[in-house]
Amino acid sequence: MRRIVTTLFVVFGLGLMVVSYFSSAPWGADRVSDGDPAFVGAPTLFVIGIISVLAAALFYELLPTRDDDRVD
């Protein structure tokens, strides 16, 4: 159970980071003044993605271990 939750948090966080990174890139901007992100909230989503990936370690440690999670 905790492996699944951890994996979902990591995949969600990485996906959020990739999408927000590419949506904030000013594709085809000729000048610095045209360099505003296409999606204004993209930096915030990137930070939420980082927090999600880091929170995955917390969930992995804090969720109780079941018998089917143990590796012998």
PDB file of N, CA and C in Angstrom:
ATOM      1  N   MET A   1       0.813  -1.190   0.000  1.00  0.00           N
ATOM      2  CA  MET A   1       0.000   0.000   0.000  1.00  0.00           C
ATOM      3  C   MET A   1       0.866   1.268   0.000  1.00  0.00           C
ATOM      4  N   ARG A   2       1.872   1.285   0.864  1.00  0.00           N
ATOM      5  CA  ARG A   2       2.664   2.506   0.923  1.00  0.00           C
ATOM      6  C   ARG A   2       3.561   2.676  -0.296  1.00  0.00           C
ATOM      7  N   ARG A   3       3.947   1.595  -0.938  1.00  0.00           N
ATOM      8  CA  ARG A   3       4.703   1.723  -2.191  1.00  0.00           C
ATOM      9  C   ARG A   3       3.850   2.350  -3.277  1.00  0.00           C
ATOM     10  N   ILE A   4       2.587   1.967  -3.322  1.00  0.00           N
ATOM     11  CA  ILE A   4       1.668   2.500  -4.324  1.00  0.00           C
ATOM     12  C   ILE A   4       1.436   3.991  -4.079  1.00  0.00           C
ATOM     13  N   VAL A   5       1.202   4.365  -2.819  1.00  0.00           N
ATOM     14  CA  VAL A   5       0.969   5.771  -2.485  1.00  0.00           C
ATOM     15  C   VAL A   5       2.216   6.600  -2.789  1.00  0.00           C
ATOM     16  N   THR A   6       3.380   6.078  -2.432  1.00  0.00           N
ATOM     17  CA  THR A   6       4.629   6.789  -2.687  1.00  0.00           C
ATOM     18  C   THR A   6       4.855   6.960  -4.189  1.00  0.00           C
ATOM     19  N   THR A   7       4.628   5.916  -4.938  1.00  0.00           N
ATOM     20  CA  THR A   7       4.796   5.982  -6.389  1.00  0.00           C
ATOM     21  C   THR A   7       3.835   6.983  -7.016  1.00  0.00           C
ATOM     22  N   LEU A   8       2.595   6.995  -6.538  1.00  0.00           N
ATOM     23  CA  LEU A   8       1.623   7.948  -7.065  1.00  0.00           C
ATOM     24  C   LEU A   8       2.024   9.390  -6.758  1.00  0.00           C
ATOM     25  N   PHE A   9       2.528   9.630  -5.553  1.00  0.00           N
ATOM     26  CA  PHE A   9       2.977  10.977  -5.205  1.00  0.00           C
ATOM     27  C   PHE A   9       4.153  11.404  -6.079  1.00  0.00           C
ATOM     28  N   VAL A  10       5.095  10.509  -6.303  1.00  0.00           N
ATOM     29  CA  VAL A  10       6.267  10.845  -7.113  1.00  0.00           C
ATOM     30  C   VAL A  10       5.865  11.096  -8.564  1.00  0.00           C
ATOM     31  N   VAL A  11       5.030  10.233  -9.118  1.00  0.00           N
ATOM     32  CA  VAL A  11       4.598  10.395 -10.510  1.00  0.00           C
ATOM     33  C   VAL A  11       3.779  11.676 -10.671  1.00  0.00           C
ATOM     34  N   PHE A  12       2.900  11.942  -9.717  1.00  0.00           N
ATOM     35  CA  PHE A  12       2.100  13.169  -9.763  1.00  0.00           C
ATOM     36  C   PHE A  12       3.003  14.400  -9.685  1.00  0.00           C
ATOM     37  N   GLY A  13       3.954  14.390  -8.771  1.00  0.00           N
ATOM     38  CA  GLY A  13       4.860  15.527  -8.608  1.00  0.00           C
ATOM     39  C   GLY A  13       5.726  15.758  -9.832  1.00  0.00           C
ATOM     40  N   LEU A  14       6.287  14.686 -10.363  1.00  0.00           N
ATOM     41  CA  LEU A  14       7.128  14.827 -11.564  1.00  0.00           C
ATOM     42  C   LEU A  14       6.308  15.289 -12.763  1.00  0.00           C
ATOM     43  N   GLY A  15       5.114  14.759 -12.888  1.00  0.00           N
ATOM     44  CA  GLY A  15       4.238  15.189 -13.983  1.00  0.00           C
ATOM     45  C   GLY A  15       3.874  16.659 -13.876  1.00  0.00           C
ATOM     46  N   LEU A  16       3.583  17.085 -12.659  1.00  0.00           N
ATOM     47  CA  LEU A  16       3.256  18.487 -12.433  1.00  0.00           C
ATOM     48  C   LEU A  16       4.446  19.382 -12.736  1.00  0.00           C
ATOM     49  N   MET A  17       5.636  18.931 -12.362  1.00  0.00           N
ATOM     50  CA  MET A  17       6.834  19.725 -12.634  1.00  0.00           C
ATOM     51  C   MET A  17       7.103  19.837 -14.137  1.00  0.00           C
ATOM     52  N   VAL A  18       6.963  18.741 -14.849  1.00  0.00           N
ATOM     53  CA  VAL A  18       7.227  18.756 -16.299  1.00  0.00           C
ATOM     54  C   VAL A  18       6.213  19.637 -17.022  1.00  0.00           C
ATOM     55  N   VAL A  19       4.944  19.479 -16.687  1.00  0.00           N
ATOM     56  CA  VAL A  19       3.901  20.276 -17.354  1.00  0.00           C
ATOM     57  C   VAL A  19       4.071  21.752 -17.046  1.00  0.00           C
ATOM     58  N   SER A  20       4.330  22.078 -15.787  1.00  0.00           N
ATOM     59  CA  SER A  20       4.470  23.494 -15.436  1.00  0.00           C
ATOM     60  C   SER A  20       5.751  24.089 -16.001  1.00  0.00           C
ATOM     61  N   TYR A  21       6.796  23.296 -16.111  1.00  0.00           N
ATOM     62  CA  TYR A  21       8.041  23.802 -16.699  1.00  0.00           C
ATOM     63  C   TYR A  21       7.841  24.185 -18.161  1.00  0.00           C
ATOM     64  N   PHE A  22       7.206  23.314 -18.917  1.00  0.00           N
ATOM     65  CA  PHE A  22       7.018  23.592 -20.330  1.00  0.00           C
ATOM     66  C   PHE A  22       5.919  24.619 -20.584  1.00  0.00           C
ATOM     67  N   SER A  23       4.976  24.774 -19.644  1.00  0.00           N
ATOM     68  CA  SER A  23       3.952  25.802 -19.842  1.00  0.00           C
ATOM     69  C   SER A  23       4.446  27.180 -19.425  1.00  0.00           C
ATOM     70  N   SER A  24       5.550  27.250 -18.689  1.00  0.00           N
ATOM     71  CA  SER A  24       6.081  28.559 -18.312  1.00  0.00           C
ATOM     72  C   SER A  24       7.153  29.047 -19.277  1.00  0.00           C
ATOM     73  N   ALA A  25       7.601  28.202 -20.157  1.00  0.00           N
ATOM     74  CA  ALA A  25       8.657  28.598 -21.090  1.00  0.00           C
ATOM     75  C   ALA A  25       8.099  29.528 -22.155  1.00  0.00           C
ATOM     76  N   PRO A  26       8.737  30.673 -22.357  1.00  0.00           N
ATOM     77  CA  PRO A  26       8.270  31.602 -23.395  1.00  0.00           C
ATOM     78  C   PRO A  26       8.783  31.174 -24.770  1.00  0.00           C
ATOM     79  N   TRP A  27       8.094  30.287 -25.417  1.00  0.00           N
ATOM     80  CA  TRP A  27       8.539  29.767 -26.707  1.00  0.00           C
ATOM     81  C   TRP A  27       8.474  30.863 -27.759  1.00  0.00           C
ATOM     82  N   GLY A  28       9.571  31.087 -28.441  1.00  0.00           N
ATOM     83  CA  GLY A  28       9.622  32.038 -29.535  1.00  0.00           C
ATOM     84  C   GLY A  28       9.703  33.493 -29.114  1.00  0.00           C
ATOM     85  N   ALA A  29      10.086  33.766 -27.882  1.00  0.00           N
ATOM     86  CA  ALA A  29      10.202  35.157 -27.435  1.00  0.00           C
ATOM     87  C   ALA A  29      11.476  35.764 -27.998  1.00  0.00           C
ATOM     88  N   ASP A  30      11.329  36.886 -28.659  1.00  0.00           N
ATOM     89  CA  ASP A  30      12.479  37.565 -29.245  1.00  0.00           C
ATOM     90  C   ASP A  30      13.172  38.484 -28.251  1.00  0.00           C
ATOM     91  N   ARG A  31      12.410  39.040 -27.338  1.00  0.00           N
ATOM     92  CA  ARG A  31      12.971  39.977 -26.371  1.00  0.00           C
ATOM     93  C   ARG A  31      12.696  39.494 -24.953  1.00  0.00           C
ATOM     94  N   VAL A  32      13.442  40.011 -24.017  1.00  0.00           N
ATOM     95  CA  VAL A  32      13.248  39.654 -22.612  1.00  0.00           C
ATOM     96  C   VAL A  32      11.897  40.150 -22.115  1.00  0.00           C
ATOM     97  N   SER A  33      11.452  41.274 -22.630  1.00  0.00           N
ATOM     98  CA  SER A  33      10.156  41.812 -22.207  1.00  0.00           C
ATOM     99  C   SER A  33       9.001  40.907 -22.631  1.00  0.00           C
ATOM    100  N   ASP A  34       9.220  40.059 -23.628  1.00  0.00           N
ATOM    101  CA  ASP A  34       8.198  39.105 -24.059  1.00  0.00           C
ATOM    102  C   ASP A  34       8.318  37.783 -23.323  1.00  0.00           C
ATOM    103  N   GLY A  35       9.156  37.720 -22.317  1.00  0.00           N
ATOM    104  CA  GLY A  35       9.450  36.459 -21.657  1.00  0.00           C
ATOM    105  C   GLY A  35       8.527  36.092 -20.518  1.00  0.00           C
ATOM    106  N   ASP A  36       7.357  36.706 -20.436  1.00  0.00           N
ATOM    107  CA  ASP A  36       6.408  36.327 -19.397  1.00  0.00           C
ATOM    108  C   ASP A  36       5.900  34.918 -19.666  1.00  0.00           C
ATOM    109  N   PRO A  37       5.656  34.145 -18.608  1.00  0.00           N
ATOM    110  CA  PRO A  37       5.174  32.776 -18.820  1.00  0.00           C
ATOM    111  C   PRO A  37       3.808  32.749 -19.501  1.00  0.00           C
ATOM    112  N   ALA A  38       3.590  31.727 -20.274  1.00  0.00           N
ATOM    113  CA  ALA A  38       2.299  31.568 -20.940  1.00  0.00           C
ATOM    114  C   ALA A  38       1.204  31.287 -19.918  1.00  0.00           C
ATOM    115  N   PHE A  39       1.544  30.589 -18.880  1.00  0.00           N
ATOM    116  CA  PHE A  39       0.617  30.294 -17.791  1.00  0.00           C
ATOM    117  C   PHE A  39       1.192  30.916 -16.528  1.00  0.00           C
ATOM    118  N   VAL A  40       0.505  31.890 -15.961  1.00  0.00           N
ATOM    119  CA  VAL A  40       1.037  32.683 -14.863  1.00  0.00           C
ATOM    120  C   VAL A  40       1.284  31.845 -13.613  1.00  0.00           C
ATOM    121  N   GLY A  41       0.486  30.832 -13.370  1.00  0.00           N
ATOM    122  CA  GLY A  41       0.623  30.017 -12.166  1.00  0.00           C
ATOM    123  C   GLY A  41       1.609  28.875 -12.302  1.00  0.00           C
ATOM    124  N   ALA A  42       2.347  28.817 -13.386  1.00  0.00           N
ATOM    125  CA  ALA A  42       3.269  27.703 -13.617  1.00  0.00           C
ATOM    126  C   ALA A  42       4.366  27.593 -12.565  1.00  0.00           C
ATOM    127  N   PRO A  43       4.982  28.682 -12.114  1.00  0.00           N
ATOM    128  CA  PRO A  43       5.996  28.532 -11.059  1.00  0.00           C
ATOM    129  C   PRO A  43       5.425  27.965  -9.759  1.00  0.00           C
ATOM    130  N   THR A  44       4.202  28.344  -9.438  1.00  0.00           N
ATOM    131  CA  THR A  44       3.552  27.813  -8.237  1.00  0.00           C
ATOM    132  C   THR A  44       3.301  26.315  -8.379  1.00  0.00           C
ATOM    133  N   LEU A  45       2.857  25.888  -9.541  1.00  0.00           N
ATOM    134  CA  LEU A  45       2.638  24.459  -9.772  1.00  0.00           C
ATOM    135  C   LEU A  45       3.947  23.683  -9.725  1.00  0.00           C
ATOM    136  N   PHE A  46       5.027  24.295 -10.181  1.00  0.00           N
ATOM    137  CA  PHE A  46       6.328  23.640 -10.134  1.00  0.00           C
ATOM    138  C   PHE A  46       6.741  23.403  -8.680  1.00  0.00           C
ATOM    139  N   VAL A  47       6.536  24.403  -7.844  1.00  0.00           N
ATOM    140  CA  VAL A  47       6.874  24.263  -6.419  1.00  0.00           C
ATOM    141  C   VAL A  47       5.983  23.224  -5.752  1.00  0.00           C
ATOM    142  N   ILE A  48       4.714  23.177  -6.105  1.00  0.00           N
ATOM    143  CA  ILE A  48       3.811  22.155  -5.563  1.00  0.00           C
ATOM    144  C   ILE A  48       4.275  20.770  -5.995  1.00  0.00           C
ATOM    145  N   GLY A  49       4.777  20.636  -7.213  1.00  0.00           N
ATOM    146  CA  GLY A  49       5.318  19.356  -7.667  1.00  0.00           C
ATOM    147  C   GLY A  49       6.533  18.933  -6.861  1.00  0.00           C
ATOM    148  N   ILE A  50       7.412  19.884  -6.551  1.00  0.00           N
ATOM    149  CA  ILE A  50       8.584  19.571  -5.729  1.00  0.00           C
ATOM    150  C   ILE A  50       8.151  19.141  -4.334  1.00  0.00           C
ATOM    151  N   ILE A  51       7.195  19.857  -3.756  1.00  0.00           N
ATOM    152  CA  ILE A  51       6.702  19.507  -2.426  1.00  0.00           C
ATOM    153  C   ILE A  51       6.058  18.124  -2.437  1.00  0.00           C
ATOM    154  N   SER A  52       5.350  17.798  -3.506  1.00  0.00           N
ATOM    155  CA  SER A  52       4.710  16.484  -3.618  1.00  0.00           C
ATOM    156  C   SER A  52       5.742  15.360  -3.657  1.00  0.00           C
ATOM    157  N   VAL A  53       6.820  15.564  -4.405  1.00  0.00           N
ATOM    158  CA  VAL A  53       7.867  14.540  -4.473  1.00  0.00           C
ATOM    159  C   VAL A  53       8.553  14.387  -3.114  1.00  0.00           C
ATOM    160  N   LEU A  54       8.812  15.497  -2.447  1.00  0.00           N
ATOM    161  CA  LEU A  54       9.435  15.412  -1.126  1.00  0.00           C
ATOM    162  C   LEU A  54       8.491  14.827  -0.080  1.00  0.00           C
ATOM    163  N   ALA A  55       7.201  15.089  -0.224  1.00  0.00           N
ATOM    164  CA  ALA A  55       6.219  14.529   0.714  1.00  0.00           C
ATOM    165  C   ALA A  55       6.074  13.025   0.543  1.00  0.00           C
ATOM    166  N   ALA A  56       6.434  12.508  -0.610  1.00  0.00           N
ATOM    167  CA  ALA A  56       6.338  11.061  -0.831  1.00  0.00           C
ATOM    168  C   ALA A  56       7.194  10.300   0.171  1.00  0.00           C
ATOM    169  N   ALA A  57       8.355  10.836   0.506  1.00  0.00           N
ATOM    170  CA  ALA A  57       9.215  10.182   1.497  1.00  0.00           C
ATOM    171  C   ALA A  57       8.559  10.192   2.876  1.00  0.00           C
ATOM    172  N   LEU A  58       7.886  11.275   3.212  1.00  0.00           N
ATOM    173  CA  LEU A  58       7.187  11.340   4.501  1.00  0.00           C
ATOM    174  C   LEU A  58       6.064  10.315   4.569  1.00  0.00           C
ATOM    175  N   PHE A  59       5.275  10.230   3.508  1.00  0.00           N
ATOM    176  CA  PHE A  59       4.187   9.255   3.498  1.00  0.00           C
ATOM    177  C   PHE A  59       4.728   7.830   3.567  1.00  0.00           C
ATOM    178  N   TYR A  60       5.835   7.585   2.919  1.00  0.00           N
ATOM    179  CA  TYR A  60       6.410   6.246   2.950  1.00  0.00           C
ATOM    180  C   TYR A  60       6.826   5.871   4.369  1.00  0.00           C
ATOM    181  N   GLU A  61       7.389   6.821   5.090  1.00  0.00           N
ATOM    182  CA  GLU A  61       7.843   6.542   6.445  1.00  0.00           C
ATOM    183  C   GLU A  61       6.712   6.533   7.464  1.00  0.00           C
ATOM    184  N   LEU A  62       5.683   7.338   7.249  1.00  0.00           N
ATOM    185  CA  LEU A  62       4.631   7.472   8.248  1.00  0.00           C
ATOM    186  C   LEU A  62       3.501   6.459   8.093  1.00  0.00           C
ATOM    187  N   LEU A  63       3.272   5.957   6.896  1.00  0.00           N
ATOM    188  CA  LEU A  63       2.226   4.953   6.725  1.00  0.00           C
ATOM    189  C   LEU A  63       2.671   3.629   7.336  1.00  0.00           C
ATOM    190  N   PRO A  64       1.744   2.953   8.012  1.00  0.00           N
ATOM    191  CA  PRO A  64       2.130   1.674   8.630  1.00  0.00           C
ATOM    192  C   PRO A  64       2.430   0.611   7.582  1.00  0.00           C
ATOM    193  N   THR A  65       3.329  -0.276   7.949  1.00  0.00           N
ATOM    194  CA  THR A  65       3.717  -1.361   7.057  1.00  0.00           C
ATOM    195  C   THR A  65       2.744  -2.509   7.190  1.00  0.00           C
ATOM    196  N   ARG A  66       2.263  -2.999   6.072  1.00  0.00           N
ATOM    197  CA  ARG A  66       1.419  -4.204   6.103  1.00  0.00           C
ATOM    198  C   ARG A  66       2.301  -5.385   5.735  1.00  0.00           C
ATOM    199  N   ASP A  67       1.775  -6.585   5.936  1.00  0.00           N
ATOM    200  CA  ASP A  67       2.557  -7.783   5.652  1.00  0.00           C
ATOM    201  C   ASP A  67       2.905  -7.919   4.179  1.00  0.00           C
ATOM    202  N   ASP A  68       2.037  -7.458   3.281  1.00  0.00           N
ATOM    203  CA  ASP A  68       2.335  -7.591   1.857  1.00  0.00           C
ATOM    204  C   ASP A  68       3.306  -6.521   1.371  1.00  0.00           C
ATOM    205  N   ASP A  69       3.647  -5.523   2.210  1.00  0.00           N
ATOM    206  CA  ASP A  69       4.640  -4.509   1.849  1.00  0.00           C
ATOM    207  C   ASP A  69       6.045  -4.924   2.211  1.00  0.00           C
ATOM    208  N   ARG A  70       6.179  -5.897   3.045  1.00  0.00           N
ATOM    209  CA  ARG A  70       7.510  -6.281   3.536  1.00  0.00           C
ATOM    210  C   ARG A  70       8.293  -7.027   2.445  1.00  0.00           C
ATOM    211  N   VAL A  71       9.572  -6.713   2.370  1.00  0.00           N
ATOM    212  CA  VAL A  71      10.460  -7.400   1.440  1.00  0.00           C
ATOM    213  C   VAL A  71      11.391  -8.259   2.269  1.00  0.00           C
ATOM    214  N   ASP A  72      11.365  -9.547   2.028  1.00  0.00           N
ATOM    215  CA  ASP A  72      12.214 -10.464   2.812  1.00  0.00           C
ATOM    216  C   ASP A  72      13.518 -10.713   2.139  1.00  0.00           C
TER     217      ASP A  72
END
